[in-house]
PDB file of N, CA and C in Angstrom:
ATOM      1  N   MET A   1     209.924  45.333 -34.125  1.00  0.00           N
ATOM      2  CA  MET A   1     211.105  46.172 -34.197  1.00  0.00           C
ATOM      3  C   MET A   1     212.278  45.449 -33.528  1.00  0.00           C
ATOM      4  N   ILE A   2     213.408  45.497 -34.163  1.00  0.00           N
ATOM      5  CA  ILE A   2     214.599  44.858 -33.621  1.00  0.00           C
ATOM      6  C   ILE A   2     215.195  45.748 -32.540  1.00  0.00           C
ATOM      7  N   ARG A   3     215.508  45.144 -31.407  1.00  0.00           N
ATOM      8  CA  ARG A   3     216.152  45.870 -30.301  1.00  0.00           C
ATOM      9  C   ARG A   3     217.564  45.335 -30.124  1.00  0.00           C
ATOM     10  N   GLY A   4     218.487  46.232 -29.900  1.00  0.00           N
ATOM     11  CA  GLY A   4     219.871  45.844 -29.680  1.00  0.00           C
ATOM     12  C   GLY A   4     220.151  45.555 -28.218  1.00  0.00           C
ATOM     13  N   GLU A   5     221.408  45.391 -27.926  1.00  0.00           N
ATOM     14  CA  GLU A   5     221.859  45.086 -26.569  1.00  0.00           C
ATOM     15  C   GLU A   5     222.689  46.237 -26.022  1.00  0.00           C
ATOM     16  N   THR A   6     222.929  46.204 -24.737  1.00  0.00           N
ATOM     17  CA  THR A   6     223.787  47.200 -24.101  1.00  0.00           C
ATOM     18  C   THR A   6     225.214  46.674 -24.085  1.00  0.00           C
ATOM     19  N   VAL A   7     226.151  47.494 -24.566  1.00  0.00           N
ATOM     20  CA  VAL A   7     227.570  47.153 -24.532  1.00  0.00           C
ATOM     21  C   VAL A   7     228.294  48.212 -23.719  1.00  0.00           C
ATOM     22  N   THR A   8     229.466  47.865 -23.233  1.00  0.00           N
ATOM     23  CA  THR A   8     230.298  48.813 -22.494  1.00  0.00           C
ATOM     24  C   THR A   8     231.482  49.188 -23.382  1.00  0.00           C
ATOM     25  N   VAL A   9     231.738  50.489 -23.502  1.00  0.00           N
ATOM     26  CA  VAL A   9     232.816  50.977 -24.360  1.00  0.00           C
ATOM     27  C   VAL A   9     233.812  51.748 -23.512  1.00  0.00           C
ATOM     28  N   ARG A  10     235.088  51.484 -23.744  1.00  0.00           N
ATOM     29  CA  ARG A  10     236.180  52.266 -23.149  1.00  0.00           C
ATOM     30  C   ARG A  10     236.914  52.925 -24.314  1.00  0.00           C
ATOM     31  N   PHE A  11     236.948  54.244 -24.304  1.00  0.00           N
ATOM     32  CA  PHE A  11     237.529  54.999 -25.408  1.00  0.00           C
ATOM     33  C   PHE A  11     239.027  55.188 -25.214  1.00  0.00           C
ATOM     34  N   LEU A  12     239.769  55.158 -26.313  1.00  0.00           N
ATOM     35  CA  LEU A  12     241.204  55.354 -26.303  1.00  0.00           C
ATOM     36  C   LEU A  12     241.527  56.794 -25.900  1.00  0.00           C
ATOM     37  N   VAL A  13     242.470  56.929 -24.962  1.00  0.00           N
ATOM     38  CA  VAL A  13     242.929  58.252 -24.523  1.00  0.00           C
ATOM     39  C   VAL A  13     244.447  58.275 -24.682  1.00  0.00           C
ATOM     40  N   LEU A  14     244.923  59.125 -25.586  1.00  0.00           N
ATOM     41  CA  LEU A  14     246.369  59.252 -25.768  1.00  0.00           C
ATOM     42  C   LEU A  14     246.875  60.253 -24.749  1.00  0.00           C
ATOM     43  N   GLY A  15     247.922  59.891 -24.058  1.00  0.00           N
ATOM     44  CA  GLY A  15     248.392  60.724 -22.952  1.00  0.00           C
ATOM     45  C   GLY A  15     249.721  61.379 -23.212  1.00  0.00           C
ATOM     46  N   SER A  16     250.394  61.649 -22.146  1.00  0.00           N
ATOM     47  CA  SER A  16     251.703  62.305 -22.202  1.00  0.00           C
ATOM     48  C   SER A  16     252.770  61.297 -22.630  1.00  0.00           C
ATOM     49  N   LEU A  17     253.984  61.774 -22.766  1.00  0.00           N
ATOM     50  CA  LEU A  17     255.088  60.907 -23.158  1.00  0.00           C
ATOM     51  C   LEU A  17     255.693  60.218 -21.940  1.00  0.00           C
ATOM     52  N   ASP A  18     256.100  58.962 -22.130  1.00  0.00           N
ATOM     53  CA  ASP A  18     256.761  58.250 -21.038  1.00  0.00           C
ATOM     54  C   ASP A  18     258.250  58.595 -21.030  1.00  0.00           C
ATOM     55  N   ALA A  19     259.018  57.934 -20.174  1.00  0.00           N
ATOM     56  CA  ALA A  19     260.443  58.225 -20.015  1.00  0.00           C
ATOM     57  C   ALA A  19     261.242  57.965 -21.293  1.00  0.00           C
ATOM     58  N   TYR A  20     260.688  57.160 -22.208  1.00  0.00           N
ATOM     59  CA  TYR A  20     261.388  56.829 -23.446  1.00  0.00           C
ATOM     60  C   TYR A  20     260.875  57.637 -24.642  1.00  0.00           C
ATOM     61  N   GLY A  21     259.972  58.582 -24.399  1.00  0.00           N
ATOM     62  CA  GLY A  21     259.444  59.423 -25.467  1.00  0.00           C
ATOM     63  C   GLY A  21     258.269  58.826 -26.212  1.00  0.00           C
ATOM     64  N   ASN A  22     257.752  57.705 -25.711  1.00  0.00           N
ATOM     65  CA  ASN A  22     256.581  57.085 -26.338  1.00  0.00           C
ATOM     66  C   ASN A  22     255.308  57.635 -25.710  1.00  0.00           C
ATOM     67  N   GLU A  23     254.292  57.807 -26.535  1.00  0.00           N
ATOM     68  CA  GLU A  23     253.023  58.311 -26.026  1.00  0.00           C
ATOM     69  C   GLU A  23     252.336  57.224 -25.201  1.00  0.00           C
ATOM     70  N   THR A  24     251.886  57.573 -23.998  1.00  0.00           N
ATOM     71  CA  THR A  24     251.207  56.601 -23.149  1.00  0.00           C
ATOM     72  C   THR A  24     249.775  56.425 -23.632  1.00  0.00           C
ATOM     73  N   VAL A  25     249.263  55.229 -23.476  1.00  0.00           N
ATOM     74  CA  VAL A  25     247.910  54.904 -23.911  1.00  0.00           C
ATOM     75  C   VAL A  25     247.119  54.431 -22.705  1.00  0.00           C
ATOM     76  N   THR A  26     245.981  55.050 -22.477  1.00  0.00           N
ATOM     77  CA  THR A  26     245.057  54.623 -21.439  1.00  0.00           C
ATOM     78  C   THR A  26     243.659  54.618 -22.026  1.00  0.00           C
ATOM     79  N   TYR A  27     242.709  54.181 -21.232  1.00  0.00           N
ATOM     80  CA  TYR A  27     241.328  54.131 -21.689  1.00  0.00           C
ATOM     81  C   TYR A  27     240.436  54.884 -20.715  1.00  0.00           C
ATOM     82  N   SER A  28     239.365  55.435 -21.244  1.00  0.00           N
ATOM     83  CA  SER A  28     238.419  56.202 -20.435  1.00  0.00           C
ATOM     84  C   SER A  28     237.664  55.275 -19.486  1.00  0.00           C
ATOM     85  N   ALA A  29     236.919  55.902 -18.591  1.00  0.00           N
ATOM     86  CA  ALA A  29     236.016  55.132 -17.735  1.00  0.00           C
ATOM     87  C   ALA A  29     234.979  54.459 -18.638  1.00  0.00           C
ATOM     88  N   PRO A  30     234.460  53.314 -18.226  1.00  0.00           N
ATOM     89  CA  PRO A  30     233.500  52.612 -19.071  1.00  0.00           C
ATOM     90  C   PRO A  30     232.218  53.419 -19.274  1.00  0.00           C
ATOM     91  N   ALA A  31     231.703  53.381 -20.498  1.00  0.00           N
ATOM     92  CA  ALA A  31     230.438  54.034 -20.832  1.00  0.00           C
ATOM     93  C   ALA A  31     229.521  53.003 -21.455  1.00  0.00           C
ATOM     94  N   GLN A  32     228.277  52.970 -21.025  1.00  0.00           N
ATOM     95  CA  GLN A  32     227.323  52.023 -21.581  1.00  0.00           C
ATOM     96  C   GLN A  32     226.633  52.638 -22.791  1.00  0.00           C
ATOM     97  N   VAL A  33     226.481  51.825 -23.829  1.00  0.00           N
ATOM     98  CA  VAL A  33     225.772  52.236 -25.038  1.00  0.00           C
ATOM     99  C   VAL A  33     224.632  51.250 -25.235  1.00  0.00           C
ATOM    100  N   ASP A  34     223.416  51.767 -25.284  1.00  0.00           N
ATOM    101  CA  ASP A  34     222.230  50.930 -25.450  1.00  0.00           C
ATOM    102  C   ASP A  34     221.899  50.727 -26.929  1.00  0.00           C
ATOM    103  N   ASP A  35     221.156  49.685 -27.188  1.00  0.00           N
ATOM    104  CA  ASP A  35     220.572  49.416 -28.509  1.00  0.00           C
ATOM    105  C   ASP A  35     221.621  49.181 -29.593  1.00  0.00           C
ATOM    106  N   VAL A  36     222.678  48.438 -29.270  1.00  0.00           N
ATOM    107  CA  VAL A  36     223.716  48.073 -30.237  1.00  0.00           C
ATOM    108  C   VAL A  36     223.418  46.660 -30.732  1.00  0.00           C
ATOM    109  N   LEU A  37     223.349  46.503 -32.051  1.00  0.00           N
ATOM    110  CA  LEU A  37     223.160  45.171 -32.616  1.00  0.00           C
ATOM    111  C   LEU A  37     224.508  44.475 -32.691  1.00  0.00           C
ATOM    112  N   VAL A  38     224.570  43.242 -32.215  1.00  0.00           N
ATOM    113  CA  VAL A  38     225.815  42.478 -32.220  1.00  0.00           C
ATOM    114  C   VAL A  38     225.683  41.380 -33.260  1.00  0.00           C
ATOM    115  N   GLY A  39     226.562  41.429 -34.263  1.00  0.00           N
ATOM    116  CA  GLY A  39     226.515  40.448 -35.345  1.00  0.00           C
ATOM    117  C   GLY A  39     227.384  39.248 -35.056  1.00  0.00           C
ATOM    118  N   LYS A  40     226.996  38.135 -35.633  1.00  0.00           N
ATOM    119  CA  LYS A  40     227.755  36.904 -35.484  1.00  0.00           C
ATOM    120  C   LYS A  40     229.131  37.082 -36.079  1.00  0.00           C
ATOM    121  N   GLY A  41     230.115  36.650 -35.353  1.00  0.00           N
ATOM    122  CA  GLY A  41     231.490  36.784 -35.816  1.00  0.00           C
ATOM    123  C   GLY A  41     232.041  35.476 -36.320  1.00  0.00           C
ATOM    124  N   GLN A  42     233.265  35.528 -36.750  1.00  0.00           N
ATOM    125  CA  GLN A  42     233.968  34.356 -37.229  1.00  0.00           C
ATOM    126  C   GLN A  42     234.991  33.949 -36.177  1.00  0.00           C
ATOM    127  N   THR A  43     235.031  32.676 -35.841  1.00  0.00           N
ATOM    128  CA  THR A  43     235.998  32.171 -34.874  1.00  0.00           C
ATOM    129  C   THR A  43     237.027  31.319 -35.613  1.00  0.00           C
ATOM    130  N   VAL A  44     238.295  31.584 -35.359  1.00  0.00           N
ATOM    131  CA  VAL A  44     239.377  30.891 -36.045  1.00  0.00           C
ATOM    132  C   VAL A  44     240.411  30.450 -35.018  1.00  0.00           C
ATOM    133  N   ASP A  45     240.888  29.212 -35.131  1.00  0.00           N
ATOM    134  CA  ASP A  45     242.016  28.765 -34.315  1.00  0.00           C
ATOM    135  C   ASP A  45     243.269  29.422 -34.872  1.00  0.00           C
ATOM    136  N   VAL A  46     244.049  30.010 -34.010  1.00  0.00           N
ATOM    137  CA  VAL A  46     245.247  30.724 -34.427  1.00  0.00           C
ATOM    138  C   VAL A  46     246.463  30.038 -33.821  1.00  0.00           C
ATOM    139  N   ILE A  47     247.398  29.669 -34.669  1.00  0.00           N
ATOM    140  CA  ILE A  47     248.643  29.079 -34.179  1.00  0.00           C
ATOM    141  C   ILE A  47     249.757  30.036 -34.562  1.00  0.00           C
ATOM    142  N   ARG A  48     250.213  30.821 -33.596  1.00  0.00           N
ATOM    143  CA  ARG A  48     251.294  31.771 -33.834  1.00  0.00           C
ATOM    144  C   ARG A  48     251.924  32.138 -32.501  1.00  0.00           C
ATOM    145  N   ASP A  49     253.070  32.682 -32.582  1.00  0.00           N
ATOM    146  CA  ASP A  49     253.779  33.152 -31.396  1.00  0.00           C
ATOM    147  C   ASP A  49     253.925  32.062 -30.343  1.00  0.00           C
ATOM    148  N   GLY A  50     254.021  30.821 -30.768  1.00  0.00           N
ATOM    149  CA  GLY A  50     254.240  29.733 -29.816  1.00  0.00           C
ATOM    150  C   GLY A  50     253.045  29.423 -28.943  1.00  0.00           C
ATOM    151  N   GLN A  51     251.852  29.864 -29.337  1.00  0.00           N
ATOM    152  CA  GLN A  51     250.641  29.598 -28.556  1.00  0.00           C
ATOM    153  C   GLN A  51     249.669  28.794 -29.415  1.00  0.00           C
ATOM    154  N   PRO A  52     249.766  27.478 -29.376  1.00  0.00           N
ATOM    155  CA  PRO A  52     248.962  26.645 -30.280  1.00  0.00           C
ATOM    156  C   PRO A  52     247.472  26.595 -29.943  1.00  0.00           C
ATOM    157  N   PHE A  53     247.062  27.161 -28.813  1.00  0.00           N
ATOM    158  CA  PHE A  53     245.656  27.071 -28.429  1.00  0.00           C
ATOM    159  C   PHE A  53     244.961  28.432 -28.449  1.00  0.00           C
ATOM    160  N   ALA A  54     245.466  29.374 -29.224  1.00  0.00           N
ATOM    161  CA  ALA A  54     244.848  30.702 -29.301  1.00  0.00           C
ATOM    162  C   ALA A  54     243.610  30.639 -30.192  1.00  0.00           C
ATOM    163  N   ILE A  55     242.622  31.442 -29.849  1.00  0.00           N
ATOM    164  CA  ILE A  55     241.382  31.530 -30.618  1.00  0.00           C
ATOM    165  C   ILE A  55     241.158  32.989 -30.960  1.00  0.00           C
ATOM    166  N   GLN A  56     240.880  33.274 -32.225  1.00  0.00           N
ATOM    167  CA  GLN A  56     240.550  34.638 -32.637  1.00  0.00           C
ATOM    168  C   GLN A  56     239.077  34.677 -33.003  1.00  0.00           C
ATOM    169  N   CYS A  57     238.370  35.670 -32.485  1.00  0.00           N
ATOM    170  CA  CYS A  57     236.940  35.780 -32.733  1.00  0.00           C
ATOM    171  C   CYS A  57     236.602  37.226 -33.075  1.00  0.00           C
ATOM    172  N   ASP A  58     235.973  37.436 -34.220  1.00  0.00           N
ATOM    173  CA  ASP A  58     235.578  38.766 -34.640  1.00  0.00           C
ATOM    174  C   ASP A  58     234.072  38.935 -34.455  1.00  0.00           C
ATOM    175  N   LYS A  59     233.649  40.142 -34.201  1.00  0.00           N
ATOM    176  CA  LYS A  59     232.232  40.482 -34.088  1.00  0.00           C
ATOM    177  C   LYS A  59     231.976  41.748 -34.879  1.00  0.00           C
ATOM    178  N   SER A  60     230.735  41.963 -35.197  1.00  0.00           N
ATOM    179  CA  SER A  60     230.314  43.201 -35.836  1.00  0.00           C
ATOM    180  C   SER A  60     229.347  43.891 -34.883  1.00  0.00           C
ATOM    181  N   PHE A  61     229.626  45.138 -34.549  1.00  0.00           N
ATOM    182  CA  PHE A  61     228.771  45.914 -33.653  1.00  0.00           C
ATOM    183  C   PHE A  61     228.143  47.041 -34.461  1.00  0.00           C
ATOM    184  N   CYS A  62     226.834  47.108 -34.478  1.00  0.00           N
ATOM    185  CA  CYS A  62     226.121  48.152 -35.210  1.00  0.00           C
ATOM    186  C   CYS A  62     225.581  49.156 -34.204  1.00  0.00           C
ATOM    187  N   PHE A  63     226.215  50.330 -34.156  1.00  0.00           N
ATOM    188  CA  PHE A  63     225.842  51.363 -33.195  1.00  0.00           C
ATOM    189  C   PHE A  63     224.605  52.110 -33.666  1.00  0.00           C
ATOM    190  N   PRO A  64     223.824  52.643 -32.721  1.00  0.00           N
ATOM    191  CA  PRO A  64     222.575  53.311 -33.101  1.00  0.00           C
ATOM    192  C   PRO A  64     222.814  54.555 -33.955  1.00  0.00           C
ATOM    193  N   ARG A  65     221.831  54.845 -34.737  1.00  0.00           N
ATOM    194  CA  ARG A  65     221.847  56.051 -35.572  1.00  0.00           C
ATOM    195  C   ARG A  65     222.090  57.265 -34.675  1.00  0.00           C
ATOM    196  N   GLY A  66     222.927  58.181 -35.127  1.00  0.00           N
ATOM    197  CA  GLY A  66     223.229  59.366 -34.347  1.00  0.00           C
ATOM    198  C   GLY A  66     224.463  59.218 -33.474  1.00  0.00           C
ATOM    199  N   TRP A  67     225.070  58.041 -33.445  1.00  0.00           N
ATOM    200  CA  TRP A  67     226.284  57.834 -32.649  1.00  0.00           C
ATOM    201  C   TRP A  67     227.367  58.753 -33.184  1.00  0.00           C
ATOM    202  N   SER A  68     228.084  59.452 -32.305  1.00  0.00           N
ATOM    203  CA  SER A  68     229.034  60.444 -32.807  1.00  0.00           C
ATOM    204  C   SER A  68     230.434  60.359 -32.202  1.00  0.00           C
ATOM    205  N   GLN A  69     230.658  59.521 -31.203  1.00  0.00           N
ATOM    206  CA  GLN A  69     231.984  59.477 -30.584  1.00  0.00           C
ATOM    207  C   GLN A  69     232.964  58.659 -31.414  1.00  0.00           C
ATOM    208  N   ASP A  70     234.238  59.042 -31.357  1.00  0.00           N
ATOM    209  CA  ASP A  70     235.293  58.368 -32.098  1.00  0.00           C
ATOM    210  C   ASP A  70     235.563  56.997 -31.484  1.00  0.00           C
ATOM    211  N   LEU A  71     235.457  55.937 -32.278  1.00  0.00           N
ATOM    212  CA  LEU A  71     235.660  54.574 -31.790  1.00  0.00           C
ATOM    213  C   LEU A  71     237.033  54.013 -32.145  1.00  0.00           C
ATOM    214  N   ARG A  72     237.892  54.802 -32.774  1.00  0.00           N
ATOM    215  CA  ARG A  72     239.217  54.322 -33.149  1.00  0.00           C
ATOM    216  C   ARG A  72     239.980  53.881 -31.896  1.00  0.00           C
ATOM    217  N   GLY A  73     240.421  52.623 -31.901  1.00  0.00           N
ATOM    218  CA  GLY A  73     241.203  52.090 -30.790  1.00  0.00           C
ATOM    219  C   GLY A  73     240.400  51.775 -29.539  1.00  0.00           C
ATOM    220  N   ALA A  74     239.094  51.942 -29.594  1.00  0.00           N
ATOM    221  CA  ALA A  74     238.246  51.699 -28.414  1.00  0.00           C
ATOM    222  C   ALA A  74     238.140  50.206 -28.115  1.00  0.00           C
ATOM    223  N   ILE A  75     237.723  49.917 -26.901  1.00  0.00           N
ATOM    224  CA  ILE A  75     237.509  48.542 -26.458  1.00  0.00           C
ATOM    225  C   ILE A  75     236.032  48.383 -26.124  1.00  0.00           C
ATOM    226  N   ILE A  76     235.436  47.304 -26.616  1.00  0.00           N
ATOM    227  CA  ILE A  76     234.029  47.003 -26.340  1.00  0.00           C
ATOM    228  C   ILE A  76     233.966  45.752 -25.482  1.00  0.00           C
ATOM    229  N   GLU A  77     233.191  45.820 -24.417  1.00  0.00           N
ATOM    230  CA  GLU A  77     232.965  44.644 -23.570  1.00  0.00           C
ATOM    231  C   GLU A  77     231.514  44.203 -23.778  1.00  0.00           C
ATOM    232  N   TRP A  78     231.360  42.923 -24.120  1.00  0.00           N
ATOM    233  CA  TRP A  78     230.033  42.377 -24.371  1.00  0.00           C
ATOM    234  C   TRP A  78     230.032  40.894 -24.033  1.00  0.00           C
ATOM    235  N   ALA A  79     229.055  40.447 -23.314  1.00  0.00           N
ATOM    236  CA  ALA A  79     228.859  39.024 -22.974  1.00  0.00           C
ATOM    237  C   ALA A  79     230.103  38.399 -22.350  1.00  0.00           C
ATOM    238  N   GLY A  80     230.779  39.161 -21.494  1.00  0.00           N
ATOM    239  CA  GLY A  80     231.934  38.620 -20.783  1.00  0.00           C
ATOM    240  C   GLY A  80     233.216  38.575 -21.594  1.00  0.00           C
ATOM    241  N   GLU A  81     233.198  39.079 -22.817  1.00  0.00           N
ATOM    242  CA  GLU A  81     234.383  39.101 -23.671  1.00  0.00           C
ATOM    243  C   GLU A  81     234.768  40.540 -23.965  1.00  0.00           C
ATOM    244  N   THR A  82     236.031  40.752 -24.317  1.00  0.00           N
ATOM    245  CA  THR A  82     236.534  42.079 -24.645  1.00  0.00           C
ATOM    246  C   THR A  82     236.965  42.094 -26.100  1.00  0.00           C
ATOM    247  N   TYR A  83     236.519  43.115 -26.834  1.00  0.00           N
ATOM    248  CA  TYR A  83     236.808  43.247 -28.258  1.00  0.00           C
ATOM    249  C   TYR A  83     237.470  44.594 -28.512  1.00  0.00           C
ATOM    250  N   GLU A  84     238.427  44.635 -29.426  1.00  0.00           N
ATOM    251  CA  GLU A  84     239.105  45.877 -29.778  1.00  0.00           C
ATOM    252  C   GLU A  84     238.672  46.286 -31.185  1.00  0.00           C
ATOM    253  N   ILE A  85     238.335  47.552 -31.354  1.00  0.00           N
ATOM    254  CA  ILE A  85     237.903  48.062 -32.650  1.00  0.00           C
ATOM    255  C   ILE A  85     239.030  47.901 -33.663  1.00  0.00           C
ATOM    256  N   VAL A  86     238.685  47.443 -34.853  1.00  0.00           N
ATOM    257  CA  VAL A  86     239.640  47.245 -35.931  1.00  0.00           C
ATOM    258  C   VAL A  86     239.626  48.478 -36.831  1.00  0.00           C
ATOM    259  N   GLY A  87     240.784  49.025 -37.118  1.00  0.00           N
ATOM    260  CA  GLY A  87     240.881  50.159 -38.024  1.00  0.00           C
ATOM    261  C   GLY A  87     240.411  51.459 -37.402  1.00  0.00           C
ATOM    262  N   SER A  88     239.980  52.369 -38.265  1.00  0.00           N
ATOM    263  CA  SER A  88     239.547  53.694 -37.836  1.00  0.00           C
ATOM    264  C   SER A  88     238.167  53.981 -38.422  1.00  0.00           C
ATOM    265  N   PRO A  89     237.113  53.511 -37.736  1.00  0.00           N
ATOM    266  CA  PRO A  89     235.772  53.718 -38.287  1.00  0.00           C
ATOM    267  C   PRO A  89     235.439  55.202 -38.399  1.00  0.00           C
ATOM    268  N   MET A  90     234.771  55.549 -39.481  1.00  0.00           N
ATOM    269  CA  MET A  90     234.397  56.934 -39.719  1.00  0.00           C
ATOM    270  C   MET A  90     232.900  57.097 -39.523  1.00  0.00           C
ATOM    271  N   ARG A  91     232.536  58.175 -38.874  1.00  0.00           N
ATOM    272  CA  ARG A  91     231.128  58.473 -38.655  1.00  0.00           C
ATOM    273  C   ARG A  91     230.509  58.941 -39.963  1.00  0.00           C
ATOM    274  N   ILE A  92     229.299  58.489 -40.227  1.00  0.00           N
ATOM    275  CA  ILE A  92     228.544  58.905 -41.400  1.00  0.00           C
ATOM    276  C   ILE A  92     227.478  59.887 -40.928  1.00  0.00           C
ATOM    277  N   THR A  93     227.313  60.991 -41.622  1.00  0.00           N
ATOM    278  CA  THR A  93     226.307  61.973 -41.203  1.00  0.00           C
ATOM    279  C   THR A  93     224.912  61.367 -41.290  1.00  0.00           C
ATOM    280  N   ASP A  94     224.059  61.743 -40.365  1.00  0.00           N
ATOM    281  CA  ASP A  94     222.697  61.201 -40.321  1.00  0.00           C
ATOM    282  C   ASP A  94     221.944  61.427 -41.624  1.00  0.00           C
ATOM    283  N   ALA A  95     222.243  62.526 -42.335  1.00  0.00           N
ATOM    284  CA  ALA A  95     221.551  62.818 -43.589  1.00  0.00           C
ATOM    285  C   ALA A  95     221.838  61.756 -44.647  1.00  0.00           C
ATOM    286  N   ASN A  96     222.953  61.041 -44.508  1.00  0.00           N
ATOM    287  CA  ASN A  96     223.329  60.022 -45.489  1.00  0.00           C
ATOM    288  C   ASN A  96     222.954  58.610 -45.069  1.00  0.00           C
ATOM    289  N   ILE A  97     222.259  58.466 -43.948  1.00  0.00           N
ATOM    290  CA  ILE A  97     221.881  57.144 -43.446  1.00  0.00           C
ATOM    291  C   ILE A  97     220.364  57.004 -43.531  1.00  0.00           C
ATOM    292  N   PRO A  98     219.869  55.971 -44.195  1.00  0.00           N
ATOM    293  CA  PRO A  98     218.418  55.766 -44.223  1.00  0.00           C
ATOM    294  C   PRO A  98     217.877  55.554 -42.808  1.00  0.00           C
ATOM    295  N   PRO A  99     216.617  55.885 -42.561  1.00  0.00           N
ATOM    296  CA  PRO A  99     216.041  55.694 -41.221  1.00  0.00           C
ATOM    297  C   PRO A  99     216.200  54.257 -40.731  1.00  0.00           C
ATOM    298  N   LEU A 100     216.439  54.125 -39.448  1.00  0.00           N
ATOM    299  CA  LEU A 100     216.565  52.842 -38.743  1.00  0.00           C
ATOM    300  C   LEU A 100     217.815  52.044 -39.109  1.00  0.00           C
ATOM    301  N   VAL A 101     218.710  52.602 -39.910  1.00  0.00           N
ATOM    302  CA  VAL A 101     219.962  51.910 -40.225  1.00  0.00           C
ATOM    303  C   VAL A 101     220.987  52.286 -39.175  1.00  0.00           C
ATOM    304  N   ARG A 102     221.812  51.329 -38.811  1.00  0.00           N
ATOM    305  CA  ARG A 102     222.808  51.546 -37.771  1.00  0.00           C
ATOM    306  C   ARG A 102     224.200  51.624 -38.354  1.00  0.00           C
ATOM    307  N   TRP A 103     225.101  52.134 -37.552  1.00  0.00           N
ATOM    308  CA  TRP A 103     226.503  52.307 -37.926  1.00  0.00           C
ATOM    309  C   TRP A 103     227.231  51.006 -37.642  1.00  0.00           C
ATOM    310  N   ASN A 104     227.867  50.397 -38.622  1.00  0.00           N
ATOM    311  CA  ASN A 104     228.484  49.095 -38.483  1.00  0.00           C
ATOM    312  C   ASN A 104     229.981  49.222 -38.209  1.00  0.00           C
ATOM    313  N   VAL A 105     230.445  48.572 -37.149  1.00  0.00           N
ATOM    314  CA  VAL A 105     231.853  48.619 -36.744  1.00  0.00           C
ATOM    315  C   VAL A 105     232.346  47.203 -36.537  1.00  0.00           C
ATOM    316  N   LYS A 106     233.511  46.879 -37.076  1.00  0.00           N
ATOM    317  CA  LYS A 106     234.093  45.549 -36.876  1.00  0.00           C
ATOM    318  C   LYS A 106     235.062  45.603 -35.702  1.00  0.00           C
ATOM    319  N   ALA A 107     235.002  44.582 -34.864  1.00  0.00           N
ATOM    320  CA  ALA A 107     235.893  44.490 -33.716  1.00  0.00           C
ATOM    321  C   ALA A 107     236.414  43.056 -33.619  1.00  0.00           C
ATOM    322  N   GLY A 108     237.638  42.922 -33.138  1.00  0.00           N
ATOM    323  CA  GLY A 108     238.222  41.604 -33.006  1.00  0.00           C
ATOM    324  C   GLY A 108     238.718  41.352 -31.600  1.00  0.00           C
ATOM    325  N   ALA A 109     238.709  40.110 -31.202  1.00  0.00           N
ATOM    326  CA  ALA A 109     239.191  39.732 -29.879  1.00  0.00           C
ATOM    327  C   ALA A 109     240.080  38.521 -30.012  1.00  0.00           C
ATOM    328  N   VAL A 110     241.044  38.416 -29.152  1.00  0.00           N
ATOM    329  CA  VAL A 110     241.883  37.209 -29.096  1.00  0.00           C
ATOM    330  C   VAL A 110     241.857  36.723 -27.675  1.00  0.00           C
ATOM    331  N   ARG A 111     241.429  35.496 -27.504  1.00  0.00           N
ATOM    332  CA  ARG A 111     241.417  34.855 -26.181  1.00  0.00           C
ATOM    333  C   ARG A 111     242.429  33.731 -26.248  1.00  0.00           C
ATOM    334  N   ARG A 112     243.356  33.719 -25.337  1.00  0.00           N
ATOM    335  CA  ARG A 112     244.394  32.688 -25.339  1.00  0.00           C
ATOM    336  C   ARG A 112     244.148  31.700 -24.221  1.00  0.00           C
ATOM    337  N   ASP A 113     243.949  30.460 -24.596  1.00  0.00           N
ATOM    338  CA  ASP A 113     243.693  29.387 -23.647  1.00  0.00           C
ATOM    339  C   ASP A 113     244.913  28.477 -23.584  1.00  0.00           C
ATOM    340  N   GLY A 114     245.884  28.875 -22.822  1.00  0.00           N
ATOM    341  CA  GLY A 114     247.052  28.007 -22.704  1.00  0.00           C
ATOM    342  C   GLY A 114     248.330  28.688 -23.029  1.00  0.00           C
TER     343      GLY A 114
END
């Protein structure tokens, strides 16, 4: 049987308005999620915004069956790196998921070296 890894998730929390009328964005306290499969991502050298040594790395995180929390805008910490959820993943009802299949979420990270 395949076993996943433990990842740390910080959920997006939309707050009150700041002095300029913009909604403030914060993140929840970290929560650990067990048995998440981490898929190999794609690493690309990114040259933009005057930073010629930027690296973009995407990962795929497959959450366990029955996962129900909203991951839109969430941050995942895994293996010393931080990844931000891409898009607005939608939960699939358990009745529509075959047994032992996990919920697949794409996340991207940008690490700037220089």
